[in-house]
Amino acid sequence: MLDTHNIYEIEFDIPACHREAFEEWLSTEVVGWVNHEAIRYFEVFRNDQGLSPEVKFVFGFETLEQWATFVGSDAHDAAIDSLSQLAENREAVLWQRASVKLDDTLDRPIGDGGGVREIERRNADAVLSQ
């Protein structure tokens, strides 16, 4: 997974009666959706354990504006409409990178969205290794 600040996940199940159609859709129709210029990366995850959700699409965006452009696009609307014909239990969540204060000796949180300078990374590694 690339280093992005905003992760958009769409999870869903595919009923047995739609599996073949979904596989065809995934290998052909999804290309137009995921080629949207705002997307930094796209990944597909499958849960082969028989648990729900069965499939997860993960989209990475550098900015919230890029995410908003994507979810407001005609390509996204069309893809969601066609996916809705094949999937059930669809859920979508937008995740944003957060910071965590690791130690009281640090004067600020580590993990500021990838902007931590190299010396700060080394200092954080030193703290973690203690």
Protein backbone atom coordinates (compact mmCIF):
# COMPACT_ATOMS: atom_id res chain seq x y z
CA MET A 1 0.00 0.00 0.00
CA LEU A 2 1.40 3.35 -0.97
CA ASP A 3 1.80 6.18 1.49
CA THR A 4 -1.46 8.12 1.15
CA HIS A 5 -3.41 10.19 3.62
CA ASN A 6 -6.94 9.15 2.69
CA ILE A 7 -8.12 5.58 2.22
CA TYR A 8 -11.57 4.82 0.83
CA GLU A 9 -12.79 1.26 1.34
CA ILE A 10 -15.82 -0.40 -0.20
CA GLU A 11 -16.68 -3.80 1.27
CA PHE A 12 -19.37 -6.16 0.02
CA ASP A 13 -20.52 -9.72 -0.52
CA ILE A 14 -21.19 -11.42 -3.86
CA PRO A 15 -24.08 -13.90 -3.86
CA ALA A 16 -23.28 -17.22 -5.55
CA CYS A 17 -25.73 -16.46 -8.37
CA HIS A 18 -23.69 -13.34 -9.32
CA ARG A 19 -20.11 -14.63 -8.93
CA GLU A 20 -19.48 -15.24 -12.62
CA ALA A 21 -20.94 -11.87 -13.62
CA PHE A 22 -18.88 -10.16 -10.89
CA GLU A 23 -15.65 -11.76 -12.10
CA GLU A 24 -16.38 -10.55 -15.62
CA TRP A 25 -17.25 -7.07 -14.34
CA LEU A 26 -14.10 -6.98 -12.23
CA SER A 27 -11.84 -7.90 -15.15
CA THR A 28 -13.44 -5.51 -17.65
CA GLU A 29 -15.74 -2.77 -16.35
CA VAL A 30 -13.80 -1.86 -13.24
CA VAL A 31 -10.90 -0.54 -15.37
CA GLY A 32 -12.79 2.61 -16.33
CA TRP A 33 -13.62 3.23 -12.68
CA VAL A 34 -10.16 2.82 -11.22
CA ASN A 35 -8.43 4.80 -13.97
CA HIS A 36 -9.89 7.99 -12.53
CA GLU A 37 -7.15 10.62 -12.34
CA ALA A 38 -7.73 11.31 -8.62
CA ILE A 39 -6.88 7.76 -7.52
CA ARG A 40 -3.30 7.24 -6.35
CA TYR A 41 -3.71 3.46 -6.06
CA PHE A 42 -6.33 0.72 -6.08
CA GLU A 43 -6.25 -2.74 -4.47
CA VAL A 44 -8.68 -5.63 -4.25
CA PHE A 45 -8.81 -7.93 -1.21
CA ARG A 46 -10.76 -11.18 -0.99
CA ASN A 47 -11.83 -13.04 2.12
CA ASP A 48 -11.65 -16.74 1.25
CA GLN A 49 -12.79 -17.84 4.72
CA GLY A 50 -16.50 -17.61 3.93
CA LEU A 51 -16.93 -14.59 6.20
CA SER A 52 -18.54 -11.27 5.38
CA PRO A 53 -17.42 -9.05 3.77
CA GLU A 54 -16.09 -11.22 0.96
CA VAL A 55 -14.49 -8.46 -1.12
CA LYS A 56 -12.87 -5.14 -0.29
CA PHE A 57 -11.85 -2.45 -2.75
CA VAL A 58 -9.25 -0.03 -1.36
CA PHE A 59 -8.65 3.32 -3.05
CA GLY A 60 -5.85 5.68 -1.99
CA PHE A 61 -6.06 9.46 -2.32
CA GLU A 62 -3.52 12.09 -1.41
CA THR A 63 -6.11 14.76 -0.52
CA LEU A 64 -9.74 14.92 0.55
CA GLU A 65 -10.40 17.02 -2.52
CA GLN A 66 -9.21 14.17 -4.75
CA TRP A 67 -11.47 11.74 -2.88
CA ALA A 68 -14.44 14.11 -3.21
CA THR A 69 -13.76 14.54 -6.93
CA PHE A 70 -13.70 10.76 -7.33
CA VAL A 71 -16.88 9.97 -5.36
CA GLY A 72 -18.70 12.80 -7.12
CA SER A 73 -17.69 11.63 -10.59
CA ASP A 74 -19.93 10.04 -13.20
CA ALA A 75 -17.49 7.10 -13.39
CA HIS A 76 -17.95 6.40 -9.68
CA ASP A 77 -21.72 6.72 -9.86
CA ALA A 78 -21.88 4.33 -12.83
CA ALA A 79 -19.57 1.81 -11.16
CA ILE A 80 -21.53 1.86 -7.89
CA ASP A 81 -24.78 1.42 -9.82
CA SER A 82 -23.45 -1.61 -11.69
CA LEU A 83 -21.79 -3.06 -8.58
CA SER A 84 -25.08 -2.70 -6.71
CA GLN A 85 -26.66 -5.07 -9.25
CA LEU A 86 -24.10 -7.76 -8.30
CA ALA A 87 -23.28 -7.18 -4.64
CA GLU A 88 -25.05 -7.12 -1.31
CA ASN A 89 -24.19 -5.74 2.12
CA ARG A 90 -22.16 -2.93 0.56
CA GLU A 91 -20.46 -0.56 3.00
CA ALA A 92 -18.13 2.35 2.24
CA VAL A 93 -15.78 4.06 4.69
CA LEU A 94 -13.29 6.89 4.31
CA TRP A 95 -10.24 6.59 6.57
CA GLN A 96 -7.84 9.43 7.23
CA ARG A 97 -4.34 9.12 8.59
CA ALA A 98 -4.04 10.04 12.26
CA SER A 99 -1.18 10.64 14.65
CA VAL A 100 -0.42 8.79 17.85
CA LYS A 101 1.70 10.13 20.70
CA LEU A 102 4.09 7.27 21.41
CA ASP A 103 5.97 8.57 24.42
CA ASP A 104 5.73 11.51 26.80
CA THR A 105 9.37 12.38 26.02
CA LEU A 106 8.46 13.19 22.44
CA ASP A 107 7.33 16.77 22.00
CA ARG A 108 4.81 15.98 19.24
CA PRO A 109 2.98 13.00 17.77
CA ILE A 110 4.79 10.72 15.35
CA GLY A 111 3.05 9.97 12.07
CA ASP A 112 2.05 13.33 10.69
CA GLY A 113 0.98 11.90 7.36
CA GLY A 114 4.41 11.14 5.99
CA GLY A 115 5.98 14.55 6.57
CA VAL A 116 8.27 13.54 9.42
CA ARG A 117 11.85 14.44 8.62
CA GLU A 118 14.47 11.69 8.49
CA ILE A 119 16.18 12.72 11.75
CA GLU A 120 12.82 12.58 13.53
CA ARG A 121 12.26 9.09 12.11
CA ARG A 122 15.63 7.98 13.52
CA ASN A 123 14.80 9.50 16.89
CA ALA A 124 11.44 7.72 16.92
CA ASP A 125 13.14 4.43 16.00
CA ALA A 126 15.55 4.94 18.91
CA VAL A 127 12.66 5.48 21.31
CA LEU A 128 10.81 2.43 20.02
CA SER A 129 13.86 0.18 20.35
CA GLN A 130 14.28 0.97 24.08
